[in-house]
Amino acid sequence: MVSALERARYSKDGRADRFLGFWLNMAVEARGGGHAEVKRATRTINRFLSDTADAFAEGPDAYFAELRDAAARFWRTTQTDPAYSSSLFGLQRLTPERLLDKVMTEATSTVALLLAANVERDTARQFPRLLVEGLLDVLPDAKQHLRVALTQRPEALEAVGYLTGE
């Protein structure tokens, strides 16, 4: 029997990871950074929470662990996806340092978007932490780079800066 959490995370055929899709959606919206993106993100967060309510009810710890795992999978793809890790339409590969800067900037922007969406539900308040924990699972030596990026968004630094160990 398939659990509510498995049904929430994966499509019927098991090929689509909805939790990974959620993080991707948030990262894409964060690239715009405007009021329209915040409104769309708020709707997406509320819809996601509604769609996954049964999975959360089954067990918050497992739910949050799956979201963190999906965040780690998202950040892992930034390291291997040629479309993400290159510029000039895929013709020029980013240096490791520039790729790290890009990832940290995107993480900071996404945390800021999640905070700006201001969804007043305890579950949604965990999203910035889970996103950053997933990032640090993949890039554990990047805490200092992340902290530097977070200083550009004081609200993000206040929310998740403690995860960088300082």
N, C-alpha and C. Protein backbone atom coordinates (compact mmCIF):
# COMPACT_ATOMS: atom_id res chain seq x y z
N MET A 1 0.84 -1.18 0.00
CA MET A 1 0.00 0.00 0.00
C MET A 1 0.89 1.25 0.00
N VAL A 2 0.54 2.19 -0.80
CA VAL A 2 1.31 3.42 -0.94
C VAL A 2 0.87 4.41 0.14
N SER A 3 1.83 5.01 0.81
CA SER A 3 1.52 5.97 1.88
C SER A 3 1.08 7.30 1.28
N ALA A 4 0.44 8.10 2.12
CA ALA A 4 0.02 9.44 1.69
C ALA A 4 1.24 10.27 1.31
N LEU A 5 2.34 10.07 1.99
CA LEU A 5 3.56 10.81 1.68
C LEU A 5 4.10 10.44 0.30
N GLU A 6 4.12 9.16 -0.02
CA GLU A 6 4.57 8.73 -1.35
C GLU A 6 3.63 9.25 -2.44
N ARG A 7 2.33 9.22 -2.18
CA ARG A 7 1.36 9.75 -3.15
C ARG A 7 1.55 11.24 -3.35
N ALA A 8 1.86 11.95 -2.26
CA ALA A 8 2.06 13.39 -2.35
C ALA A 8 3.34 13.73 -3.11
N ARG A 9 4.39 12.97 -2.87
CA ARG A 9 5.67 13.30 -3.48
C ARG A 9 5.76 12.88 -4.94
N TYR A 10 5.29 11.68 -5.26
CA TYR A 10 5.49 11.15 -6.61
C TYR A 10 4.19 11.03 -7.38
N SER A 11 4.27 11.21 -8.69
CA SER A 11 3.10 11.05 -9.55
C SER A 11 2.69 9.58 -9.57
N LYS A 12 1.53 9.32 -10.16
CA LYS A 12 1.02 7.94 -10.19
C LYS A 12 2.00 6.97 -10.83
N ASP A 13 2.68 7.40 -11.88
CA ASP A 13 3.62 6.49 -12.54
C ASP A 13 5.01 6.54 -11.90
N GLY A 14 5.18 7.39 -10.88
CA GLY A 14 6.43 7.46 -10.15
C GLY A 14 7.55 8.21 -10.84
N ARG A 15 7.25 8.83 -11.96
CA ARG A 15 8.31 9.50 -12.73
C ARG A 15 8.49 10.97 -12.36
N ALA A 16 7.49 11.57 -11.76
CA ALA A 16 7.58 12.99 -11.41
C ALA A 16 7.68 13.14 -9.89
N ASP A 17 8.62 13.92 -9.45
CA ASP A 17 8.82 14.21 -8.04
C ASP A 17 8.21 15.58 -7.77
N ARG A 18 7.05 15.59 -7.16
CA ARG A 18 6.34 16.85 -6.92
C ARG A 18 7.05 17.74 -5.91
N PHE A 19 7.75 17.15 -4.95
CA PHE A 19 8.47 17.97 -3.98
C PHE A 19 9.65 18.66 -4.65
N LEU A 20 10.34 17.95 -5.51
CA LEU A 20 11.42 18.55 -6.29
C LEU A 20 10.85 19.65 -7.18
N GLY A 21 9.71 19.39 -7.79
CA GLY A 21 9.05 20.39 -8.63
C GLY A 21 8.69 21.64 -7.85
N PHE A 22 8.30 21.47 -6.60
CA PHE A 22 7.98 22.63 -5.76
C PHE A 22 9.20 23.52 -5.59
N TRP A 23 10.35 22.92 -5.26
CA TRP A 23 11.57 23.71 -5.09
C TRP A 23 11.99 24.38 -6.40
N LEU A 24 11.87 23.67 -7.49
CA LEU A 24 12.20 24.25 -8.79
C LEU A 24 11.30 25.45 -9.07
N ASN A 25 10.02 25.30 -8.82
CA ASN A 25 9.07 26.38 -9.03
C ASN A 25 9.45 27.60 -8.19
N MET A 26 9.81 27.39 -6.94
CA MET A 26 10.19 28.51 -6.06
C MET A 26 11.45 29.19 -6.58
N ALA A 27 12.42 28.42 -7.03
CA ALA A 27 13.67 29.00 -7.54
C ALA A 27 13.41 29.82 -8.80
N VAL A 28 12.55 29.33 -9.66
CA VAL A 28 12.23 30.06 -10.90
C VAL A 28 11.51 31.36 -10.56
N GLU A 29 10.54 31.31 -9.67
CA GLU A 29 9.83 32.53 -9.27
C GLU A 29 10.79 33.53 -8.62
N ALA A 30 11.75 33.04 -7.86
CA ALA A 30 12.69 33.92 -7.17
C ALA A 30 13.58 34.69 -8.14
N ARG A 31 13.76 34.18 -9.33
CA ARG A 31 14.60 34.87 -10.32
C ARG A 31 13.98 36.19 -10.75
N GLY A 32 12.65 36.27 -10.72
CA GLY A 32 11.98 37.51 -11.10
C GLY A 32 12.06 38.55 -10.01
N GLY A 33 11.77 38.13 -8.80
CA GLY A 33 11.91 39.01 -7.65
C GLY A 33 10.90 40.13 -7.50
N GLY A 34 9.86 40.15 -8.32
CA GLY A 34 8.88 41.22 -8.23
C GLY A 34 7.63 40.83 -7.47
N HIS A 35 6.70 41.77 -7.41
CA HIS A 35 5.44 41.55 -6.69
C HIS A 35 4.63 40.41 -7.30
N ALA A 36 4.61 40.33 -8.62
CA ALA A 36 3.84 39.27 -9.28
C ALA A 36 4.40 37.89 -8.92
N GLU A 37 5.72 37.79 -8.84
CA GLU A 37 6.34 36.51 -8.48
C GLU A 37 6.01 36.12 -7.05
N VAL A 38 5.97 37.10 -6.15
CA VAL A 38 5.62 36.82 -4.75
C VAL A 38 4.18 36.33 -4.67
N LYS A 39 3.29 36.95 -5.42
CA LYS A 39 1.89 36.51 -5.42
C LYS A 39 1.76 35.09 -5.96
N ARG A 40 2.46 34.80 -7.05
CA ARG A 40 2.42 33.44 -7.59
C ARG A 40 3.02 32.43 -6.61
N ALA A 41 4.10 32.82 -5.98
CA ALA A 41 4.73 31.92 -5.00
C ALA A 41 3.78 31.66 -3.83
N THR A 42 3.08 32.68 -3.37
CA THR A 42 2.12 32.50 -2.28
C THR A 42 1.04 31.52 -2.67
N ARG A 43 0.51 31.68 -3.87
CA ARG A 43 -0.52 30.74 -4.35
C ARG A 43 0.05 29.32 -4.47
N THR A 44 1.25 29.22 -5.00
CA THR A 44 1.88 27.90 -5.16
C THR A 44 2.11 27.24 -3.80
N ILE A 45 2.59 27.99 -2.84
CA ILE A 45 2.83 27.44 -1.50
C ILE A 45 1.52 26.97 -0.88
N ASN A 46 0.49 27.80 -0.96
CA ASN A 46 -0.80 27.42 -0.39
C ASN A 46 -1.37 26.18 -1.07
N ARG A 47 -1.24 26.11 -2.38
CA ARG A 47 -1.72 24.94 -3.12
C ARG A 47 -0.91 23.70 -2.73
N PHE A 48 0.39 23.85 -2.63
CA PHE A 48 1.25 22.73 -2.24
C PHE A 48 0.88 22.22 -0.85
N LEU A 49 0.68 23.14 0.08
CA LEU A 49 0.30 22.73 1.44
C LEU A 49 -1.04 22.02 1.44
N SER A 50 -1.97 22.51 0.65
CA SER A 50 -3.28 21.87 0.56
C SER A 50 -3.16 20.48 -0.07
N ASP A 51 -2.41 20.39 -1.15
CA ASP A 51 -2.25 19.11 -1.86
C ASP A 51 -1.50 18.07 -1.04
N THR A 52 -0.68 18.51 -0.11
CA THR A 52 0.15 17.57 0.66
C THR A 52 -0.29 17.46 2.12
N ALA A 53 -1.46 17.98 2.44
CA ALA A 53 -1.94 17.98 3.83
C ALA A 53 -2.04 16.57 4.41
N ASP A 54 -2.51 15.61 3.63
CA ASP A 54 -2.61 14.24 4.13
C ASP A 54 -1.23 13.66 4.45
N ALA A 55 -0.27 13.99 3.64
CA ALA A 55 1.10 13.51 3.88
C ALA A 55 1.66 14.13 5.15
N PHE A 56 1.40 15.40 5.36
CA PHE A 56 1.86 16.06 6.58
C PHE A 56 1.19 15.44 7.80
N ALA A 57 -0.10 15.18 7.70
CA ALA A 57 -0.85 14.58 8.81
C ALA A 57 -0.33 13.19 9.16
N GLU A 58 0.21 12.50 8.19
CA GLU A 58 0.77 11.16 8.40
C GLU A 58 2.02 11.21 9.29
N GLY A 59 2.70 12.33 9.26
CA GLY A 59 3.90 12.48 10.09
C GLY A 59 4.75 13.65 9.66
N PRO A 60 4.76 14.74 10.44
CA PRO A 60 5.54 15.93 10.06
C PRO A 60 7.04 15.65 9.87
N ASP A 61 7.62 14.80 10.72
CA ASP A 61 9.06 14.55 10.59
C ASP A 61 9.41 13.92 9.25
N ALA A 62 8.63 12.94 8.84
CA ALA A 62 8.86 12.28 7.55
C ALA A 62 8.61 13.25 6.40
N TYR A 63 7.56 14.06 6.52
CA TYR A 63 7.21 15.07 5.51
C TYR A 63 8.38 16.03 5.32
N PHE A 64 8.89 16.57 6.42
CA PHE A 64 10.00 17.52 6.34
C PHE A 64 11.27 16.84 5.82
N ALA A 65 11.50 15.60 6.19
CA ALA A 65 12.67 14.87 5.69
C ALA A 65 12.59 14.71 4.17
N GLU A 66 11.41 14.43 3.65
CA GLU A 66 11.24 14.29 2.20
C GLU A 66 11.43 15.63 1.49
N LEU A 67 10.95 16.72 2.08
CA LEU A 67 11.16 18.05 1.49
C LEU A 67 12.65 18.40 1.48
N ARG A 68 13.33 18.08 2.56
CA ARG A 68 14.78 18.34 2.62
C ARG A 68 15.51 17.50 1.58
N ASP A 69 15.12 16.24 1.44
CA ASP A 69 15.72 15.37 0.43
C ASP A 69 15.49 15.93 -0.97
N ALA A 70 14.28 16.40 -1.23
CA ALA A 70 13.98 16.98 -2.54
C ALA A 70 14.80 18.24 -2.78
N ALA A 71 15.00 19.05 -1.73
CA ALA A 71 15.84 20.24 -1.85
C ALA A 71 17.28 19.84 -2.19
N ALA A 72 17.78 18.81 -1.53
CA ALA A 72 19.14 18.33 -1.83
C ALA A 72 19.23 17.85 -3.27
N ARG A 73 18.22 17.14 -3.73
CA ARG A 73 18.21 16.68 -5.13
C ARG A 73 18.23 17.87 -6.08
N PHE A 74 17.46 18.91 -5.75
CA PHE A 74 17.43 20.11 -6.58
C PHE A 74 18.83 20.72 -6.66
N TRP A 75 19.47 20.94 -5.51
CA TRP A 75 20.79 21.57 -5.50
C TRP A 75 21.83 20.68 -6.15
N ARG A 76 21.69 19.37 -6.02
CA ARG A 76 22.64 18.44 -6.66
C ARG A 76 22.58 18.61 -8.18
N THR A 77 21.39 18.82 -8.72
CA THR A 77 21.28 18.99 -10.18
C THR A 77 21.98 20.25 -10.66
N THR A 78 22.08 21.26 -9.80
CA THR A 78 22.79 22.48 -10.23
C THR A 78 24.26 22.20 -10.48
N GLN A 79 24.76 21.16 -9.86
CA GLN A 79 26.18 20.82 -10.02
C GLN A 79 26.44 19.98 -11.26
N THR A 80 25.41 19.33 -11.78
CA THR A 80 25.61 18.40 -12.89
C THR A 80 24.88 18.77 -14.18
N ASP A 81 23.89 19.64 -14.09
CA ASP A 81 23.10 19.99 -15.27
C ASP A 81 23.87 20.99 -16.14
N PRO A 82 24.23 20.60 -17.37
CA PRO A 82 25.00 21.50 -18.23
C PRO A 82 24.26 22.80 -18.54
N ALA A 83 22.95 22.78 -18.61
CA ALA A 83 22.20 24.00 -18.90
C ALA A 83 22.31 24.99 -17.74
N TYR A 84 22.36 24.50 -16.52
CA TYR A 84 22.47 25.37 -15.35
C TYR A 84 23.90 25.85 -15.15
N SER A 85 24.85 24.98 -15.38
CA SER A 85 26.24 25.28 -15.04
C SER A 85 27.03 25.84 -16.22
N SER A 86 26.34 26.47 -17.16
CA SER A 86 27.04 27.08 -18.28
C SER A 86 26.37 28.40 -18.64
N SER A 87 27.02 29.13 -19.51
CA SER A 87 26.47 30.39 -20.00
C SER A 87 26.60 30.41 -21.52
N LEU A 88 26.15 31.47 -22.12
CA LEU A 88 26.19 31.60 -23.57
C LEU A 88 25.52 30.41 -24.26
N PHE A 89 24.29 30.14 -23.84
CA PHE A 89 23.48 29.07 -24.43
C PHE A 89 24.16 27.71 -24.34
N GLY A 90 24.85 27.49 -23.24
CA GLY A 90 25.49 26.20 -23.01
C GLY A 90 26.86 26.05 -23.64
N LEU A 91 27.37 27.11 -24.24
CA LEU A 91 28.65 27.01 -24.93
C LEU A 91 29.85 27.20 -24.01
N GLN A 92 29.66 27.89 -22.90
CA GLN A 92 30.77 28.18 -22.02
C GLN A 92 30.45 27.68 -20.60
N ARG A 93 31.21 26.75 -20.12
CA ARG A 93 31.00 26.17 -18.79
C ARG A 93 31.46 27.18 -17.73
N LEU A 94 30.64 27.34 -16.69
CA LEU A 94 31.02 28.22 -15.59
C LEU A 94 32.17 27.60 -14.80
N THR A 95 33.05 28.45 -14.31
CA THR A 95 34.10 27.95 -13.43
C THR A 95 33.44 27.47 -12.14
N PRO A 96 34.09 26.60 -11.39
CA PRO A 96 33.50 26.15 -10.12
C PRO A 96 33.15 27.31 -9.19
N GLU A 97 33.98 28.33 -9.16
CA GLU A 97 33.71 29.49 -8.29
C GLU A 97 32.47 30.26 -8.76
N ARG A 98 32.35 30.49 -10.05
CA ARG A 98 31.16 31.19 -10.57
C ARG A 98 29.90 30.36 -10.39
N LEU A 99 30.00 29.06 -10.55
CA LEU A 99 28.85 28.19 -10.32
C LEU A 99 28.43 28.26 -8.86
N LEU A 100 29.39 28.23 -7.95
CA LEU A 100 29.07 28.33 -6.53
C LEU A 100 28.40 29.67 -6.22
N ASP A 101 28.91 30.75 -6.79
CA ASP A 101 28.28 32.07 -6.60
C ASP A 101 26.85 32.07 -7.11
N LYS A 102 26.64 31.46 -8.27
CA LYS A 102 25.29 31.40 -8.85
C LYS A 102 24.34 30.63 -7.94
N VAL A 103 24.79 29.50 -7.43
CA VAL A 103 23.96 28.67 -6.55
C VAL A 103 23.63 29.43 -5.27
N MET A 104 24.62 30.10 -4.68
CA MET A 104 24.39 30.82 -3.42
C MET A 104 23.44 32.00 -3.63
N THR A 105 23.59 32.68 -4.75
CA THR A 105 22.68 33.78 -5.06
C THR A 105 21.26 33.26 -5.24
N GLU A 106 21.11 32.14 -5.94
CA GLU A 106 19.79 31.57 -6.14
C GLU A 106 19.19 31.09 -4.82
N ALA A 107 19.99 30.49 -3.97
CA ALA A 107 19.49 30.05 -2.67
C ALA A 107 19.00 31.24 -1.85
N THR A 108 19.79 32.30 -1.83
CA THR A 108 19.41 33.49 -1.08
C THR A 108 18.13 34.11 -1.63
N SER A 109 18.02 34.22 -2.94
CA SER A 109 16.81 34.78 -3.56
C SER A 109 15.59 33.93 -3.27
N THR A 110 15.77 32.62 -3.27
CA THR A 110 14.64 31.72 -3.02
C THR A 110 14.20 31.81 -1.57
N VAL A 111 15.14 31.88 -0.65
CA VAL A 111 14.77 32.07 0.76
C VAL A 111 14.02 33.39 0.92
N ALA A 112 14.51 34.45 0.30
CA ALA A 112 13.84 35.75 0.39
C ALA A 112 12.42 35.68 -0.17
N LEU A 113 12.24 34.96 -1.27
CA LEU A 113 10.90 34.80 -1.85
C LEU A 113 9.99 34.04 -0.89
N LEU A 114 10.48 32.96 -0.32
CA LEU A 114 9.67 32.18 0.63
C LEU A 114 9.25 33.05 1.81
N LEU A 115 10.14 33.92 2.26
CA LEU A 115 9.80 34.81 3.37
C LEU A 115 8.82 35.89 2.93
N ALA A 116 9.01 36.43 1.73
CA ALA A 116 8.11 37.48 1.22
C ALA A 116 6.71 36.95 0.98
N ALA A 117 6.60 35.67 0.65
CA ALA A 117 5.27 35.08 0.44
C ALA A 117 4.47 35.13 1.73
N ASN A 118 5.15 35.11 2.86
CA ASN A 118 4.55 35.34 4.17
C ASN A 118 3.32 34.46 4.42
N VAL A 119 3.45 33.19 4.10
CA VAL A 119 2.35 32.26 4.35
C VAL A 119 2.36 31.94 5.84
N GLU A 120 1.28 32.31 6.50
CA GLU A 120 1.20 32.19 7.96
C GLU A 120 0.77 30.80 8.40
N ARG A 121 1.56 29.82 8.04
CA ARG A 121 1.31 28.45 8.49
C ARG A 121 2.64 27.88 8.96
N ASP A 122 2.60 27.17 10.06
CA ASP A 122 3.84 26.65 10.64
C ASP A 122 4.62 25.79 9.65
N THR A 123 3.91 25.03 8.84
CA THR A 123 4.58 24.18 7.86
C THR A 123 5.39 25.02 6.88
N ALA A 124 4.79 26.07 6.34
CA ALA A 124 5.47 26.93 5.37
C ALA A 124 6.65 27.66 5.99
N ARG A 125 6.57 27.94 7.27
CA ARG A 125 7.68 28.62 7.94
C ARG A 125 8.94 27.77 7.98
N GLN A 126 8.80 26.47 7.77
CA GLN A 126 9.95 25.56 7.76
C GLN A 126 10.66 25.53 6.40
N PHE A 127 10.00 26.02 5.36
CA PHE A 127 10.55 25.89 4.01
C PHE A 127 11.93 26.53 3.82
N PRO A 128 12.17 27.76 4.30
CA PRO A 128 13.52 28.32 4.12
C PRO A 128 14.61 27.45 4.75
N ARG A 129 14.36 26.97 5.95
CA ARG A 129 15.33 26.11 6.64
C ARG A 129 15.58 24.82 5.85
N LEU A 130 14.51 24.19 5.39
CA LEU A 130 14.64 22.93 4.65
C LEU A 130 15.40 23.12 3.35
N LEU A 131 15.13 24.23 2.67
CA LEU A 131 15.83 24.53 1.42
C LEU A 131 17.33 24.66 1.66
N VAL A 132 17.70 25.40 2.71
CA VAL A 132 19.12 25.62 3.00
C VAL A 132 19.77 24.35 3.55
N GLU A 133 19.08 23.60 4.37
CA GLU A 133 19.65 22.34 4.85
C GLU A 133 19.92 21.39 3.69
N GLY A 134 19.01 21.36 2.72
CA GLY A 134 19.23 20.54 1.53
C GLY A 134 20.46 21.00 0.76
N LEU A 135 20.63 22.31 0.65
CA LEU A 135 21.81 22.87 -0.02
C LEU A 135 23.08 22.45 0.71
N LEU A 136 23.08 22.58 2.02
CA LEU A 136 24.28 22.26 2.79
C LEU A 136 24.54 20.76 2.86
N ASP A 137 23.52 19.95 2.63
CA ASP A 137 23.74 18.50 2.51
C ASP A 137 24.59 18.21 1.27
N VAL A 138 24.36 18.99 0.22
CA VAL A 138 25.07 18.78 -1.05
C VAL A 138 26.42 19.50 -1.06
N LEU A 139 26.45 20.69 -0.49
CA LEU A 139 27.67 21.51 -0.49
C LEU A 139 28.05 21.90 0.94
N PRO A 140 28.46 20.94 1.75
CA PRO A 140 28.72 21.23 3.16
C PRO A 140 29.87 22.22 3.40
N ASP A 141 30.77 22.35 2.45
CA ASP A 141 31.89 23.27 2.61
C ASP A 141 31.57 24.69 2.13
N ALA A 142 30.32 24.93 1.77
CA ALA A 142 29.94 26.22 1.19
C ALA A 142 29.29 27.16 2.20
N LYS A 143 29.39 26.86 3.47
CA LYS A 143 28.72 27.69 4.49
C LYS A 143 29.17 29.14 4.43
N GLN A 144 30.46 29.38 4.28
CA GLN A 144 30.95 30.76 4.24
C GLN A 144 30.45 31.48 2.99
N HIS A 145 30.45 30.80 1.85
CA HIS A 145 29.91 31.40 0.63
C HIS A 145 28.44 31.75 0.80
N LEU A 146 27.71 30.85 1.41
CA LEU A 146 26.29 31.10 1.64
C LEU A 146 26.11 32.31 2.56
N ARG A 147 26.88 32.38 3.61
CA ARG A 147 26.75 33.50 4.54
C ARG A 147 27.01 34.83 3.82
N VAL A 148 28.01 34.87 2.97
CA VAL A 148 28.30 36.09 2.20
C VAL A 148 27.10 36.45 1.32
N ALA A 149 26.54 35.47 0.64
CA ALA A 149 25.37 35.73 -0.22
C ALA A 149 24.18 36.20 0.62
N LEU A 150 23.99 35.60 1.77
CA LEU A 150 22.85 35.98 2.62
C LEU A 150 22.94 37.41 3.12
N THR A 151 24.15 37.96 3.23
CA THR A 151 24.28 39.34 3.69
C THR A 151 23.65 40.33 2.71
N GLN A 152 23.44 39.90 1.48
CA GLN A 152 22.79 40.76 0.49
C GLN A 152 21.28 40.86 0.72
N ARG A 153 20.72 39.94 1.50
CA ARG A 153 19.29 39.92 1.81
C ARG A 153 19.14 39.76 3.32
N PRO A 154 19.14 40.85 4.07
CA PRO A 154 19.12 40.77 5.54
C PRO A 154 18.00 39.89 6.11
N GLU A 155 16.84 39.90 5.46
CA GLU A 155 15.74 39.07 5.96
C GLU A 155 16.07 37.59 5.83
N ALA A 156 16.77 37.24 4.76
CA ALA A 156 17.18 35.85 4.57
C ALA A 156 18.27 35.48 5.57
N LEU A 157 19.21 36.39 5.79
CA LEU A 157 20.28 36.14 6.76
C LEU A 157 19.69 35.92 8.15
N GLU A 158 18.72 36.74 8.52
CA GLU A 158 18.09 36.60 9.83
C GLU A 158 17.36 35.26 9.96
N ALA A 159 16.74 34.81 8.88
CA ALA A 159 15.94 33.59 8.93
C ALA A 159 16.78 32.31 8.95
N VAL A 160 17.85 32.27 8.18
CA VAL A 160 18.60 31.02 8.04
C VAL A 160 20.10 31.16 8.26
N GLY A 161 20.56 32.33 8.61
CA GLY A 161 21.99 32.54 8.80
C GLY A 161 22.60 31.63 9.84
N TYR A 162 21.81 31.25 10.85
CA TYR A 162 22.33 30.36 11.90
C TYR A 162 22.78 29.01 11.34
N LEU A 163 22.27 28.62 10.18
CA LEU A 163 22.64 27.34 9.58
C LEU A 163 24.07 27.36 9.03
N THR A 164 24.63 28.55 8.88
CA THR A 164 26.00 28.66 8.37
C THR A 164 27.03 28.52 9.49
N GLY A 165 26.56 28.37 10.71
CA GLY A 165 27.45 28.12 11.83
C GLY A 165 28.06 29.35 12.46
N GLU A 166 27.59 30.50 12.09
CA GLU A 166 28.14 31.73 12.69
C GLU A 166 27.06 32.49 13.41
